[in-house]
């Protein structure tokens, strides 16, 4: 589903250094590593928010390296969620559909389906400033999922949420993944979160993959689990 070949992306003085990675259709992987290792830059490169200095990004077998973000079929939840404060919840979720020129009936159907899936039907008329942390997180997920993306990119989506609610949201996203089968790349600093959600974990250090294997605290699951980064995952 996603294949990165020798990806090099510049972000100021920082650079991803020859990242090669394959993510299978329907797979859920975690990307971990110290602060400043390039995890967000990696997601932005996949999403098309940063132009690659070198290397190639393939999605569904197509070279999308020069495609704009809206052509890539990706849902993206950035670290700070970036909900629009001047729009209510309904319009926040509908925004990517309107950007794609969807009609009123299509927007309403997608809104209803996504809101029901995430249990936020009662929030649609609420202003963003009136949402709790958990509610805002569900809205951010809904906005990413409403376009039915084949790929979902999540950047520390639960980092600012209370631990008890965070675990509840883990279960919800896990159930959603089982139900819809999207492919996910999830950045997290939390080994427990990686173990709860991902089948593989990618350790990124100083812009390069250092290890690919099972999330910390879980046995390797075969395939590329535990393989050194030099050969890339299978």
C-alpha atoms as a PDB file:
ATOM      1  CA  UNK A   1       0.000   0.000   0.000  1.00  0.00           C
ATOM      2  CA  UNK A   2       2.805   2.442   0.948  1.00  0.00           C
ATOM      3  CA  UNK A   3       6.358   2.090  -0.273  1.00  0.00           C
ATOM      4  CA  UNK A   4       9.142   4.573   0.414  1.00  0.00           C
ATOM      5  CA  UNK A   5      12.360   4.145  -1.535  1.00  0.00           C
ATOM      6  CA  UNK A   6      15.457   6.044  -0.413  1.00  0.00           C
ATOM      7  CA  UNK A   7      13.385   8.979   0.835  1.00  0.00           C
ATOM      8  CA  UNK A   8      15.303  12.150   1.619  1.00  0.00           C
ATOM      9  CA  UNK A   9      13.315  15.193   2.777  1.00  0.00           C
ATOM     10  CA  UNK A  10      14.748  18.464   4.046  1.00  0.00           C
ATOM     11  CA  UNK A  11      13.207  20.463   6.904  1.00  0.00           C
ATOM     12  CA  UNK A  12      15.497  23.375   7.649  1.00  0.00           C
ATOM     13  CA  UNK A  13      18.826  21.910   8.771  1.00  0.00           C
ATOM     14  CA  UNK A  14      17.223  18.497   9.331  1.00  0.00           C
ATOM     15  CA  UNK A  15      16.997  15.784   6.689  1.00  0.00           C
ATOM     16  CA  UNK A  16      15.476  12.341   6.378  1.00  0.00           C
ATOM     17  CA  UNK A  17      18.312  10.090   5.241  1.00  0.00           C
ATOM     18  CA  UNK A  18      17.444   7.438   2.692  1.00  0.00           C
ATOM     19  CA  UNK A  19      14.316   6.064   4.367  1.00  0.00           C
ATOM     20  CA  UNK A  20      13.133   2.814   2.764  1.00  0.00           C
ATOM     21  CA  UNK A  21       9.944   1.265   4.139  1.00  0.00           C
ATOM     22  CA  UNK A  22       7.029  -0.883   2.943  1.00  0.00           C
ATOM     23  CA  UNK A  23       3.621  -0.888   4.655  1.00  0.00           C
ATOM     24  CA  UNK A  24       1.150  -3.532   3.532  1.00  0.00           C
ATOM     25  CA  UNK A  25      -2.511  -2.893   2.741  1.00  0.00           C
ATOM     26  CA  UNK A  26      -4.481  -2.849   5.990  1.00  0.00           C
ATOM     27  CA  UNK A  27      -1.341  -2.854   8.137  1.00  0.00           C
ATOM     28  CA  UNK A  28      -1.054  -0.652  11.215  1.00  0.00           C
ATOM     29  CA  UNK A  29       2.507   0.424  12.025  1.00  0.00           C
ATOM     30  CA  UNK A  30       3.905   2.679  14.736  1.00  0.00           C
ATOM     31  CA  UNK A  31       6.794   5.084  14.197  1.00  0.00           C
ATOM     32  CA  UNK A  32       8.794   5.769  17.351  1.00  0.00           C
ATOM     33  CA  UNK A  33      12.013   7.546  18.210  1.00  0.00           C
ATOM     34  CA  UNK A  34      13.432  10.444  20.201  1.00  0.00           C
ATOM     35  CA  UNK A  35      12.239  14.019  19.777  1.00  0.00           C
ATOM     36  CA  UNK A  36      13.773  15.530  16.650  1.00  0.00           C
ATOM     37  CA  UNK A  37      14.334  12.198  14.913  1.00  0.00           C
ATOM     38  CA  UNK A  38      12.091  13.114  11.967  1.00  0.00           C
ATOM     39  CA  UNK A  39       8.840  11.306  12.729  1.00  0.00           C
ATOM     40  CA  UNK A  40       6.583  14.222  11.785  1.00  0.00           C
ATOM     41  CA  UNK A  41       8.705  15.008   8.712  1.00  0.00           C
ATOM     42  CA  UNK A  42       8.220  11.390   7.619  1.00  0.00           C
ATOM     43  CA  UNK A  43       4.418  11.675   7.871  1.00  0.00           C
ATOM     44  CA  UNK A  44       4.433  15.020   6.080  1.00  0.00           C
ATOM     45  CA  UNK A  45       6.515  13.481   3.294  1.00  0.00           C
ATOM     46  CA  UNK A  46       4.032  10.632   2.835  1.00  0.00           C
ATOM     47  CA  UNK A  47       1.131  13.085   2.897  1.00  0.00           C
ATOM     48  CA  UNK A  48       2.731  15.375   0.319  1.00  0.00           C
ATOM     49  CA  UNK A  49       3.046  18.328   2.701  1.00  0.00           C
ATOM     50  CA  UNK A  50       6.814  18.366   2.131  1.00  0.00           C
ATOM     51  CA  UNK A  51       8.572  17.897  -1.197  1.00  0.00           C
ATOM     52  CA  UNK A  52      11.157  15.133  -1.271  1.00  0.00           C
ATOM     53  CA  UNK A  53      14.729  16.129  -2.044  1.00  0.00           C
ATOM     54  CA  UNK A  54      15.293  12.589  -3.288  1.00  0.00           C
ATOM     55  CA  UNK A  55      13.657   9.175  -3.309  1.00  0.00           C
ATOM     56  CA  UNK A  56      10.167   8.034  -4.199  1.00  0.00           C
ATOM     57  CA  UNK A  57       6.789   7.631  -2.481  1.00  0.00           C
ATOM     58  CA  UNK A  58       4.452   4.950  -3.848  1.00  0.00           C
ATOM     59  CA  UNK A  59       0.831   4.563  -2.725  1.00  0.00           C
ATOM     60  CA  UNK A  60      -1.240   1.697  -4.140  1.00  0.00           C
ATOM     61  CA  UNK A  61       1.617   1.030  -6.565  1.00  0.00           C
ATOM     62  CA  UNK A  62       1.608   4.543  -8.051  1.00  0.00           C
ATOM     63  CA  UNK A  63       4.459   7.017  -7.801  1.00  0.00           C
ATOM     64  CA  UNK A  64       2.847   9.968  -5.978  1.00  0.00           C
ATOM     65  CA  UNK A  65       6.094  11.803  -5.201  1.00  0.00           C
ATOM     66  CA  UNK A  66       4.979  14.900  -7.139  1.00  0.00           C
ATOM     67  CA  UNK A  67       1.260  14.638  -6.426  1.00  0.00           C
ATOM     68  CA  UNK A  68      -0.387  17.296  -4.219  1.00  0.00           C
ATOM     69  CA  UNK A  69      -1.810  16.089  -0.868  1.00  0.00           C
ATOM     70  CA  UNK A  70      -5.437  16.115  -2.024  1.00  0.00           C
ATOM     71  CA  UNK A  71      -4.700  13.599  -4.794  1.00  0.00           C
ATOM     72  CA  UNK A  72      -3.070  10.989  -2.556  1.00  0.00           C
ATOM     73  CA  UNK A  73      -6.163   9.543  -0.862  1.00  0.00           C
ATOM     74  CA  UNK A  74      -4.714  10.109   2.605  1.00  0.00           C
ATOM     75  CA  UNK A  75      -6.339  11.072   5.899  1.00  0.00           C
ATOM     76  CA  UNK A  76      -4.004  13.033   8.189  1.00  0.00           C
ATOM     77  CA  UNK A  77      -4.412  13.859  11.882  1.00  0.00           C
ATOM     78  CA  UNK A  78      -1.613  16.276  12.862  1.00  0.00           C
ATOM     79  CA  UNK A  79      -0.280  16.493  16.397  1.00  0.00           C
ATOM     80  CA  UNK A  80      -2.205  19.664  17.307  1.00  0.00           C
ATOM     81  CA  UNK A  81      -5.413  18.534  15.520  1.00  0.00           C
ATOM     82  CA  UNK A  82      -5.806  21.983  13.806  1.00  0.00           C
ATOM     83  CA  UNK A  83      -9.588  22.203  14.021  1.00  0.00           C
ATOM     84  CA  UNK A  84     -10.981  25.433  12.574  1.00  0.00           C
ATOM     85  CA  UNK A  85     -12.288  27.530  15.517  1.00  0.00           C
ATOM     86  CA  UNK A  86     -14.595  29.607  13.280  1.00  0.00           C
ATOM     87  CA  UNK A  87     -16.488  26.502  12.084  1.00  0.00           C
ATOM     88  CA  UNK A  88     -18.734  24.197  14.064  1.00  0.00           C
ATOM     89  CA  UNK A  89     -18.061  20.469  14.278  1.00  0.00           C
ATOM     90  CA  UNK A  90     -20.249  19.672  11.266  1.00  0.00           C
ATOM     91  CA  UNK A  91     -18.376  22.105   9.019  1.00  0.00           C
ATOM     92  CA  UNK A  92     -14.971  21.010  10.333  1.00  0.00           C
ATOM     93  CA  UNK A  93     -15.707  17.426   9.335  1.00  0.00           C
ATOM     94  CA  UNK A  94     -17.228  18.435   6.004  1.00  0.00           C
ATOM     95  CA  UNK A  95     -14.307  20.692   5.049  1.00  0.00           C
ATOM     96  CA  UNK A  96     -12.213  18.092   3.123  1.00  0.00           C
ATOM     97  CA  UNK A  97     -15.320  16.964   1.227  1.00  0.00           C
ATOM     98  CA  UNK A  98     -16.124  20.536   0.194  1.00  0.00           C
ATOM     99  CA  UNK A  99     -12.489  20.970  -0.837  1.00  0.00           C
ATOM    100  CA  UNK A 100     -12.968  18.006  -3.196  1.00  0.00           C
ATOM    101  CA  UNK A 101     -16.150  19.494  -4.664  1.00  0.00           C
ATOM    102  CA  UNK A 102     -18.562  16.950  -3.141  1.00  0.00           C
ATOM    103  CA  UNK A 103     -22.279  17.693  -3.473  1.00  0.00           C
ATOM    104  CA  UNK A 104     -24.665  18.378  -0.607  1.00  0.00           C
ATOM    105  CA  UNK A 105     -26.204  14.905  -0.569  1.00  0.00           C
ATOM    106  CA  UNK A 106     -22.794  13.197  -0.649  1.00  0.00           C
ATOM    107  CA  UNK A 107     -21.542  15.392   2.189  1.00  0.00           C
ATOM    108  CA  UNK A 108     -24.605  14.718   4.329  1.00  0.00           C
ATOM    109  CA  UNK A 109     -24.384  10.958   3.818  1.00  0.00           C
ATOM    110  CA  UNK A 110     -20.666  10.857   4.605  1.00  0.00           C
ATOM    111  CA  UNK A 111     -21.131  13.099   7.657  1.00  0.00           C
ATOM    112  CA  UNK A 112     -23.896  10.926   9.073  1.00  0.00           C
ATOM    113  CA  UNK A 113     -21.956   7.700   8.516  1.00  0.00           C
ATOM    114  CA  UNK A 114     -18.696   9.003   9.997  1.00  0.00           C
ATOM    115  CA  UNK A 115     -20.328  10.706  12.978  1.00  0.00           C
ATOM    116  CA  UNK A 116     -22.226   7.513  13.825  1.00  0.00           C
ATOM    117  CA  UNK A 117     -19.061   5.435  13.478  1.00  0.00           C
ATOM    118  CA  UNK A 118     -17.265   7.626  16.039  1.00  0.00           C
ATOM    119  CA  UNK A 119     -20.273   8.285  18.265  1.00  0.00           C
ATOM    120  CA  UNK A 120     -20.263  12.073  17.803  1.00  0.00           C
ATOM    121  CA  UNK A 121     -23.703  12.658  16.281  1.00  0.00           C
ATOM    122  CA  UNK A 122     -24.598  14.887  19.243  1.00  0.00           C
ATOM    123  CA  UNK A 123     -21.600  17.141  18.690  1.00  0.00           C
ATOM    124  CA  UNK A 124     -22.232  18.202  15.088  1.00  0.00           C
ATOM    125  CA  UNK A 125     -23.748  21.585  15.956  1.00  0.00           C
ATOM    126  CA  UNK A 126     -21.230  22.434  18.678  1.00  0.00           C
ATOM    127  CA  UNK A 127     -18.488  25.037  18.396  1.00  0.00           C
ATOM    128  CA  UNK A 128     -14.938  23.707  18.523  1.00  0.00           C
ATOM    129  CA  UNK A 129     -14.126  25.785  21.617  1.00  0.00           C
ATOM    130  CA  UNK A 130     -16.798  23.915  23.582  1.00  0.00           C
ATOM    131  CA  UNK A 131     -15.271  20.464  22.996  1.00  0.00           C
ATOM    132  CA  UNK A 132     -13.371  18.416  25.556  1.00  0.00           C
ATOM    133  CA  UNK A 133      -9.992  16.941  24.607  1.00  0.00           C
ATOM    134  CA  UNK A 134     -11.497  13.561  23.815  1.00  0.00           C
ATOM    135  CA  UNK A 135     -14.330  15.089  21.794  1.00  0.00           C
ATOM    136  CA  UNK A 136     -11.899  17.228  19.801  1.00  0.00           C
ATOM    137  CA  UNK A 137      -9.816  14.135  19.076  1.00  0.00           C
ATOM    138  CA  UNK A 138     -12.847  12.284  17.729  1.00  0.00           C
ATOM    139  CA  UNK A 139     -13.703  15.256  15.521  1.00  0.00           C
ATOM    140  CA  UNK A 140     -10.151  15.349  14.152  1.00  0.00           C
ATOM    141  CA  UNK A 141     -10.378  11.634  13.381  1.00  0.00           C
ATOM    142  CA  UNK A 142     -13.781  12.119  11.755  1.00  0.00           C
ATOM    143  CA  UNK A 143     -12.412  14.862   9.503  1.00  0.00           C
ATOM    144  CA  UNK A 144      -9.606  12.541   8.399  1.00  0.00           C
ATOM    145  CA  UNK A 145     -11.897   9.535   7.904  1.00  0.00           C
ATOM    146  CA  UNK A 146     -14.850  11.227   6.195  1.00  0.00           C
ATOM    147  CA  UNK A 147     -13.160  10.963   2.793  1.00  0.00           C
ATOM    148  CA  UNK A 148     -12.750   7.188   3.304  1.00  0.00           C
ATOM    149  CA  UNK A 149      -8.954   7.290   2.971  1.00  0.00           C
ATOM    150  CA  UNK A 150      -7.001   4.192   2.062  1.00  0.00           C
ATOM    151  CA  UNK A 151      -4.197   5.527   4.265  1.00  0.00           C
ATOM    152  CA  UNK A 152      -4.475   7.205   7.677  1.00  0.00           C
ATOM    153  CA  UNK A 153      -1.505   9.126   9.116  1.00  0.00           C
ATOM    154  CA  UNK A 154      -1.634   9.892  12.837  1.00  0.00           C
ATOM    155  CA  UNK A 155       0.888  12.181  14.558  1.00  0.00           C
ATOM    156  CA  UNK A 156       0.827  11.726  18.350  1.00  0.00           C
ATOM    157  CA  UNK A 157      -2.988  11.792  18.206  1.00  0.00           C
ATOM    158  CA  UNK A 158      -3.526  10.990  21.891  1.00  0.00           C
ATOM    159  CA  UNK A 159      -0.494  12.671  23.445  1.00  0.00           C
ATOM    160  CA  UNK A 160      -2.351  15.510  25.197  1.00  0.00           C
ATOM    161  CA  UNK A 161      -5.256  13.404  26.475  1.00  0.00           C
ATOM    162  CA  UNK A 162      -5.710  12.048  30.016  1.00  0.00           C
ATOM    163  CA  UNK A 163      -4.337   8.454  30.295  1.00  0.00           C
ATOM    164  CA  UNK A 164      -7.704   6.850  31.092  1.00  0.00           C
ATOM    165  CA  UNK A 165      -9.394   8.470  28.101  1.00  0.00           C
ATOM    166  CA  UNK A 166      -6.330   7.746  25.955  1.00  0.00           C
ATOM    167  CA  UNK A 167      -6.753   3.993  26.525  1.00  0.00           C
ATOM    168  CA  UNK A 168     -10.440   4.235  25.656  1.00  0.00           C
ATOM    169  CA  UNK A 169      -9.538   5.936  22.375  1.00  0.00           C
ATOM    170  CA  UNK A 170      -6.963   3.206  21.649  1.00  0.00           C
ATOM    171  CA  UNK A 171      -9.760   0.636  21.813  1.00  0.00           C
ATOM    172  CA  UNK A 172     -11.959   2.783  19.569  1.00  0.00           C
ATOM    173  CA  UNK A 173      -9.313   3.260  16.888  1.00  0.00           C
ATOM    174  CA  UNK A 174      -8.412  -0.434  17.048  1.00  0.00           C
ATOM    175  CA  UNK A 175     -12.068  -1.388  16.527  1.00  0.00           C
ATOM    176  CA  UNK A 176     -12.350   1.143  13.703  1.00  0.00           C
ATOM    177  CA  UNK A 177      -9.263  -0.303  12.033  1.00  0.00           C
ATOM    178  CA  UNK A 178     -10.697  -3.821  12.214  1.00  0.00           C
ATOM    179  CA  UNK A 179     -13.990  -2.606  10.778  1.00  0.00           C
ATOM    180  CA  UNK A 180     -12.726  -0.456   7.907  1.00  0.00           C
ATOM    181  CA  UNK A 181      -9.282  -1.943   7.136  1.00  0.00           C
ATOM    182  CA  UNK A 182      -7.439   1.323   6.496  1.00  0.00           C
ATOM    183  CA  UNK A 183      -3.637   1.325   6.362  1.00  0.00           C
ATOM    184  CA  UNK A 184      -2.155   3.340   9.253  1.00  0.00           C
ATOM    185  CA  UNK A 185       1.164   4.984  10.062  1.00  0.00           C
ATOM    186  CA  UNK A 186       1.001   6.203  13.662  1.00  0.00           C
ATOM    187  CA  UNK A 187       3.677   8.347  15.338  1.00  0.00           C
ATOM    188  CA  UNK A 188       3.934   7.897  19.105  1.00  0.00           C
ATOM    189  CA  UNK A 189       6.399   8.270  21.980  1.00  0.00           C
ATOM    190  CA  UNK A 190       4.395   5.770  24.064  1.00  0.00           C
ATOM    191  CA  UNK A 191       5.565   2.119  23.835  1.00  0.00           C
ATOM    192  CA  UNK A 192       2.284   0.950  25.388  1.00  0.00           C
ATOM    193  CA  UNK A 193       0.318   2.780  22.695  1.00  0.00           C
ATOM    194  CA  UNK A 194       2.459   1.237  19.965  1.00  0.00           C
ATOM    195  CA  UNK A 195       1.974  -2.235  21.448  1.00  0.00           C
ATOM    196  CA  UNK A 196      -1.794  -1.728  21.780  1.00  0.00           C
ATOM    197  CA  UNK A 197      -2.335  -0.685  18.164  1.00  0.00           C
ATOM    198  CA  UNK A 198       0.504  -1.664  15.845  1.00  0.00           C
ATOM    199  CA  UNK A 199       1.692  -4.950  14.392  1.00  0.00           C
ATOM    200  CA  UNK A 200       5.133  -3.472  13.626  1.00  0.00           C
ATOM    201  CA  UNK A 201       7.176  -0.630  15.038  1.00  0.00           C
ATOM    202  CA  UNK A 202       9.700   1.499  13.148  1.00  0.00           C
ATOM    203  CA  UNK A 203      12.427   3.143  15.235  1.00  0.00           C
ATOM    204  CA  UNK A 204      13.595   6.385  13.632  1.00  0.00           C
ATOM    205  CA  UNK A 205      16.820   7.998  14.878  1.00  0.00           C
ATOM    206  CA  UNK A 206      18.418  11.130  13.411  1.00  0.00           C
ATOM    207  CA  UNK A 207      16.414  10.894  10.194  1.00  0.00           C
ATOM    208  CA  UNK A 208      17.135   7.234   9.457  1.00  0.00           C
ATOM    209  CA  UNK A 209      15.441   3.925  10.296  1.00  0.00           C
ATOM    210  CA  UNK A 210      17.423   2.106  12.946  1.00  0.00           C
ATOM    211  CA  UNK A 211      15.137  -0.881  13.536  1.00  0.00           C
ATOM    212  CA  UNK A 212      11.901  -2.446  12.285  1.00  0.00           C
ATOM    213  CA  UNK A 213      10.216  -5.086  14.418  1.00  0.00           C
ATOM    214  CA  UNK A 214       7.444  -5.864  16.861  1.00  0.00           C
ATOM    215  CA  UNK A 215       6.406  -3.052  19.209  1.00  0.00           C
ATOM    216  CA  UNK A 216       8.334  -2.988  22.477  1.00  0.00           C
ATOM    217  CA  UNK A 217       7.084  -5.592  24.926  1.00  0.00           C
ATOM    218  CA  UNK A 218       5.598  -7.820  22.217  1.00  0.00           C
ATOM    219  CA  UNK A 219       7.161 -10.828  20.457  1.00  0.00           C
ATOM    220  CA  UNK A 220       8.228 -10.427  16.842  1.00  0.00           C
ATOM    221  CA  UNK A 221       5.453 -11.484  14.476  1.00  0.00           C
ATOM    222  CA  UNK A 222       7.578 -12.871  11.697  1.00  0.00           C
ATOM    223  CA  UNK A 223       8.194 -11.343   8.292  1.00  0.00           C
ATOM    224  CA  UNK A 224      10.292  -8.215   8.747  1.00  0.00           C
ATOM    225  CA  UNK A 225       9.929  -8.254  12.540  1.00  0.00           C
ATOM    226  CA  UNK A 226      13.267  -7.556  14.163  1.00  0.00           C
ATOM    227  CA  UNK A 227      14.982  -7.093  10.810  1.00  0.00           C
ATOM    228  CA  UNK A 228      17.741  -4.511  10.627  1.00  0.00           C
ATOM    229  CA  UNK A 229      16.884  -1.317   8.781  1.00  0.00           C
ATOM    230  CA  UNK A 230      19.542  -1.732   6.113  1.00  0.00           C
ATOM    231  CA  UNK A 231      17.583  -4.270   4.116  1.00  0.00           C
ATOM    232  CA  UNK A 232      14.209  -2.616   4.561  1.00  0.00           C
ATOM    233  CA  UNK A 233      11.021  -4.528   5.450  1.00  0.00           C
ATOM    234  CA  UNK A 234       9.607  -7.189   3.199  1.00  0.00           C
END
